[in-house]
Amino acid sequence: MSVFEQLQQLLEGEGARFRVLSHPAEGKSDEVARIRGTTPGQGAKAMLCKTRNAEHWVLAVLPGDQKLDFRLLAAALGLPKMTMASAEEAAERTGCVIGAIPPFSPGPQVALVVDPGLVERHAEIAFNAGRLDRSMVLNAQDYVRVAKPALHRISAPAA
């Protein structure tokens, strides 16, 4: 079963309020937001991160119009310096290409940390759902209920 199908099954099973959108594959946050009919800030940007020794893995999720502050992320979890996973590591851990990673932990070995600005400012969040050509728009409260993330401020305005 694909990541998209697993995610759809999870959300349906949990009674989450969501809709699926099919669209051309697009990697830029602003452009995919326009296609979805959402704002860039509603976009859940999911970034796989790790400690330098790869002992700890974290899926950091933040609003699409923000940038990740690696120092805040590490401090929130009491971990040493964090860095981005490579495209190969991300694909191996999540089963998705960068840009298609949904804002859900791919398993217990990957902590899920979400910037509260994503779910506090918007009634719905939007994200690529395991594929660059499929998005989901999900009720923000249902997202927090189903995904059970740790909520920590981990982002700063994009320059």
Protein backbone atom coordinates (compact mmCIF):
# COMPACT_ATOMS: atom_id res chain seq x y z
CA MET A 1 0.00 0.00 0.00
CA SER A 2 1.37 3.43 -0.94
CA VAL A 3 2.01 6.22 1.58
CA PHE A 4 -0.95 8.09 0.06
CA GLU A 5 -3.26 5.08 0.52
CA GLN A 6 -2.04 4.46 4.08
CA LEU A 7 -2.65 8.08 4.98
CA GLN A 8 -6.11 8.12 3.43
CA GLN A 9 -7.01 4.92 5.30
CA LEU A 10 -5.71 6.35 8.61
CA LEU A 11 -7.67 9.59 8.27
CA GLU A 12 -10.88 7.85 7.21
CA GLY A 13 -10.52 5.36 10.10
CA GLU A 14 -10.08 8.22 12.57
CA GLY A 15 -13.08 10.14 11.24
CA ALA A 16 -10.91 13.09 10.22
CA ARG A 17 -12.36 15.89 8.13
CA PHE A 18 -10.27 16.10 4.96
CA ARG A 19 -10.43 16.28 1.20
CA VAL A 20 -8.07 15.06 -1.51
CA LEU A 21 -6.97 17.25 -4.39
CA SER A 22 -5.34 16.02 -7.59
CA HIS A 23 -3.09 18.53 -9.33
CA PRO A 24 0.03 18.81 -11.49
CA ALA A 25 3.22 17.88 -9.64
CA GLU A 26 4.69 21.06 -8.19
CA GLY A 27 7.53 21.49 -5.72
CA LYS A 28 7.27 25.20 -4.87
CA SER A 29 5.17 26.09 -1.81
CA ASP A 30 3.69 29.28 -3.28
CA GLU A 31 2.69 27.62 -6.54
CA VAL A 32 1.15 24.51 -4.96
CA ALA A 33 -0.80 26.75 -2.54
CA ARG A 34 -2.22 28.66 -5.50
CA ILE A 35 -3.19 25.38 -7.19
CA ARG A 36 -4.82 24.11 -3.95
CA GLY A 37 -6.65 27.38 -3.31
CA THR A 38 -4.94 27.76 0.08
CA THR A 39 -2.44 30.22 1.52
CA PRO A 40 1.29 29.39 1.74
CA GLY A 41 1.02 29.56 5.56
CA GLN A 42 -1.55 26.74 5.54
CA GLY A 43 0.94 24.46 3.85
CA ALA A 44 2.47 21.91 6.21
CA LYS A 45 6.13 21.81 5.22
CA ALA A 46 7.56 18.49 6.48
CA MET A 47 11.35 18.27 6.77
CA LEU A 48 13.21 15.16 7.89
CA CYS A 49 16.06 16.08 10.23
CA LYS A 50 18.65 14.15 12.21
CA THR A 51 21.38 14.64 14.74
CA ARG A 52 24.85 14.59 13.20
CA ASN A 53 25.43 11.02 14.39
CA ALA A 54 22.00 9.98 13.01
CA GLU A 55 21.07 8.63 16.44
CA HIS A 56 17.89 10.75 16.52
CA TRP A 57 15.47 11.41 13.66
CA VAL A 58 12.81 14.12 13.68
CA LEU A 59 10.11 15.10 11.21
CA ALA A 60 9.83 18.87 11.66
CA VAL A 61 6.59 20.38 10.36
CA LEU A 62 6.10 24.11 9.96
CA PRO A 63 4.00 26.58 8.00
CA GLY A 64 5.00 26.73 4.34
CA ASP A 65 5.81 30.44 4.57
CA GLN A 66 8.33 29.92 7.39
CA LYS A 67 11.86 28.53 7.59
CA LEU A 68 13.09 25.92 10.03
CA ASP A 69 15.26 27.14 12.91
CA PHE A 70 17.52 24.16 13.61
CA ARG A 71 18.65 25.63 16.95
CA LEU A 72 15.06 25.88 18.19
CA LEU A 73 14.35 22.35 17.01
CA ALA A 74 17.36 20.88 18.82
CA ALA A 75 16.65 22.88 21.98
CA ALA A 76 12.96 21.84 22.02
CA LEU A 77 13.99 18.19 22.12
CA GLY A 78 17.12 18.54 24.25
CA LEU A 79 19.21 17.17 21.40
CA PRO A 80 22.56 18.19 19.98
CA LYS A 81 22.81 20.08 16.71
CA MET A 82 20.31 19.00 14.06
CA THR A 83 20.77 18.91 10.29
CA MET A 84 18.63 18.06 7.26
CA ALA A 85 18.53 14.48 6.09
CA SER A 86 19.74 13.89 2.55
CA ALA A 87 17.22 13.23 -0.20
CA GLU A 88 18.25 9.57 -0.13
CA GLU A 89 17.81 9.31 3.65
CA ALA A 90 14.43 11.03 3.45
CA ALA A 91 13.21 8.64 0.76
CA GLU A 92 14.49 5.63 2.72
CA ARG A 93 12.89 6.70 6.03
CA THR A 94 9.59 8.08 4.71
CA GLY A 95 9.00 6.28 1.42
CA CYS A 96 8.53 9.69 -0.23
CA VAL A 97 10.55 12.13 -2.28
CA ILE A 98 11.32 15.49 -0.71
CA GLY A 99 8.30 17.73 -1.27
CA ALA A 100 5.85 14.84 -0.98
CA ILE A 101 6.51 13.91 2.67
CA PRO A 102 3.24 14.22 4.61
CA PRO A 103 3.26 15.78 8.12
CA PHE A 104 2.91 12.42 9.88
CA SER A 105 5.71 10.42 11.47
CA PRO A 106 6.61 7.45 9.28
CA GLY A 107 7.14 5.31 12.40
CA PRO A 108 8.15 5.24 16.06
CA GLN A 109 11.82 5.83 15.22
CA VAL A 110 11.00 9.35 13.93
CA ALA A 111 9.78 12.00 16.40
CA LEU A 112 7.12 14.40 15.11
CA VAL A 113 7.50 18.07 16.05
CA VAL A 114 5.06 20.66 14.73
CA ASP A 115 5.32 24.42 15.00
CA PRO A 116 2.10 25.49 16.77
CA GLY A 117 1.72 28.41 14.35
CA LEU A 118 0.63 25.94 11.69
CA VAL A 119 -2.37 24.63 13.61
CA GLU A 120 -3.24 27.73 15.64
CA ARG A 121 -3.50 30.20 12.74
CA HIS A 122 -5.52 28.03 10.35
CA ALA A 123 -8.68 25.92 10.58
CA GLU A 124 -7.26 23.65 7.87
CA ILE A 125 -3.77 22.64 6.85
CA ALA A 126 -2.71 21.46 3.39
CA PHE A 127 0.08 19.12 2.36
CA ASN A 128 1.34 16.81 -0.35
CA ALA A 129 0.17 13.37 0.64
CA GLY A 130 3.02 11.05 -0.27
CA ARG A 131 2.88 12.18 -3.90
CA LEU A 132 3.73 15.44 -5.62
CA ASP A 133 0.45 15.30 -7.56
CA ARG A 134 -1.93 14.68 -4.62
CA SER A 135 -2.66 16.99 -1.74
CA MET A 136 -4.86 16.73 1.29
CA VAL A 137 -6.57 19.59 3.05
CA LEU A 138 -7.16 18.47 6.63
CA ASN A 139 -8.93 20.02 9.59
CA ALA A 140 -6.16 21.33 11.89
CA GLN A 141 -7.77 19.99 15.08
CA ASP A 142 -8.16 16.56 13.51
CA TYR A 143 -4.51 16.68 12.44
CA VAL A 144 -3.32 17.26 16.01
CA ARG A 145 -5.69 14.58 17.32
CA VAL A 146 -4.58 11.94 14.82
CA ALA A 147 -0.86 12.74 14.42
CA LYS A 148 -0.24 13.49 18.14
CA PRO A 149 2.75 15.75 17.51
CA ALA A 150 4.92 17.53 20.04
CA LEU A 151 4.15 21.23 19.61
CA HIS A 152 7.19 23.53 19.81
CA ARG A 153 8.06 26.81 18.14
CA ILE A 154 10.65 25.73 15.58
CA SER A 155 10.29 28.26 12.77
CA ALA A 156 11.12 31.82 11.83
CA PRO A 157 9.75 34.00 9.03
CA ALA A 158 11.26 33.15 5.66
CA ALA A 159 13.72 35.80 4.51
